[in-house]
Amino acid sequence: MLNKLRYFWAKTPPLARQVAVLCLGIALLAAGAAMLVLPGPGWATIFLGLAVLASEFYWADQLKSWLLKRFKSALNWAKNRAGKI
């Protein structure tokens, strides 16, 4: 079943693939942004949306890398601050 899906995805024209990935990625980003103020895993959904977009778009891959670097930096800062208290 998975091989058939991969075969279908590989045979799909690039423009149709990009449109599908763009729609799914934007939907995940919007859901993640909503979950930042509503109950739910907001940041995880935002990173998932960026990962989906990064599969087809270079700019999304760069943005994902930049955000992950900033997130890790903020996490290390918080760990260091927690250790000083």
Protein backbone atom coordinates (compact mmCIF):
# COMPACT_ATOMS: atom_id res chain seq x y z
CA MET A 1 0.00 0.00 0.00
CA LEU A 2 2.75 2.45 0.96
CA ASN A 3 4.71 1.59 -2.19
CA LYS A 4 1.65 2.41 -4.31
CA LEU A 5 1.30 5.75 -2.56
CA ARG A 6 4.98 6.55 -3.12
CA TYR A 7 4.68 5.56 -6.78
CA PHE A 8 1.60 7.78 -7.19
CA TRP A 9 3.34 10.70 -5.45
CA ALA A 10 6.43 10.32 -7.66
CA LYS A 11 4.27 10.30 -10.81
CA THR A 12 2.30 13.38 -9.74
CA PRO A 13 3.31 16.50 -11.71
CA PRO A 14 5.60 18.80 -9.70
CA LEU A 15 3.20 21.74 -9.75
CA ALA A 16 0.35 19.62 -8.38
CA ARG A 17 2.69 18.27 -5.67
CA GLN A 18 3.71 21.79 -4.69
CA VAL A 19 0.11 22.97 -4.51
CA ALA A 20 -0.87 19.98 -2.34
CA VAL A 21 2.12 20.47 -0.03
CA LEU A 22 1.45 24.22 0.18
CA CYS A 23 -2.20 23.70 1.14
CA LEU A 24 -1.40 21.07 3.77
CA GLY A 25 1.52 23.06 5.18
CA ILE A 26 -0.46 26.28 5.46
CA ALA A 27 -3.35 24.41 7.10
CA LEU A 28 -0.96 22.95 9.68
CA LEU A 29 0.68 26.35 10.30
CA ALA A 30 -2.73 27.97 10.81
CA ALA A 31 -3.85 25.19 13.15
CA GLY A 32 -0.60 25.49 15.11
CA ALA A 33 -0.98 29.26 15.40
CA ALA A 34 -4.52 28.79 16.69
CA MET A 35 -3.30 26.21 19.19
CA LEU A 36 -0.89 28.74 20.66
CA VAL A 37 -3.90 30.37 22.33
CA LEU A 38 -6.21 27.34 22.35
CA PRO A 39 -5.55 23.97 23.96
CA GLY A 40 -3.27 21.81 21.87
CA PRO A 41 0.33 21.27 20.78
CA GLY A 42 0.80 24.59 18.99
CA TRP A 43 4.56 24.66 18.50
CA ALA A 44 4.70 21.00 17.52
CA THR A 45 2.05 21.59 14.86
CA ILE A 46 3.88 24.65 13.57
CA PHE A 47 7.12 22.67 13.24
CA LEU A 48 5.20 19.85 11.54
CA GLY A 49 3.73 22.36 9.06
CA LEU A 50 7.20 23.73 8.35
CA ALA A 51 8.55 20.20 7.87
CA VAL A 52 5.79 19.49 5.34
CA LEU A 53 6.52 22.74 3.50
CA ALA A 54 10.27 22.08 3.63
CA SER A 55 9.77 18.87 1.65
CA GLU A 56 9.04 20.97 -1.45
CA PHE A 57 10.17 24.54 -0.73
CA TYR A 58 13.71 25.75 0.00
CA TRP A 59 12.56 28.86 1.88
CA ALA A 60 10.58 26.74 4.33
CA ASP A 61 13.61 24.55 4.97
CA GLN A 62 15.71 27.62 5.77
CA LEU A 63 12.98 29.03 8.05
CA LYS A 64 12.62 25.68 9.83
CA SER A 65 16.38 25.50 10.42
CA TRP A 66 16.48 29.07 11.74
CA LEU A 67 13.53 28.49 14.08
CA LEU A 68 14.97 25.24 15.41
CA LYS A 69 18.28 26.97 16.13
CA ARG A 70 16.49 29.77 18.00
CA PHE A 71 14.28 27.27 19.87
CA LYS A 72 17.32 25.26 21.02
CA SER A 73 19.06 28.44 22.08
CA ALA A 74 16.04 29.54 24.13
CA LEU A 75 15.79 26.09 25.68
CA ASN A 76 19.45 26.16 26.73
CA TRP A 77 19.00 29.67 28.15
CA ALA A 78 15.99 28.48 30.19
CA LYS A 79 17.92 25.44 31.47
CA ASN A 80 20.82 27.66 32.54
CA ARG A 81 18.48 30.11 34.29
CA ALA A 82 16.68 27.29 36.07
CA GLY A 83 19.99 25.95 37.33
CA LYS A 84 20.91 29.31 38.89
CA ILE A 85 17.72 29.61 40.92
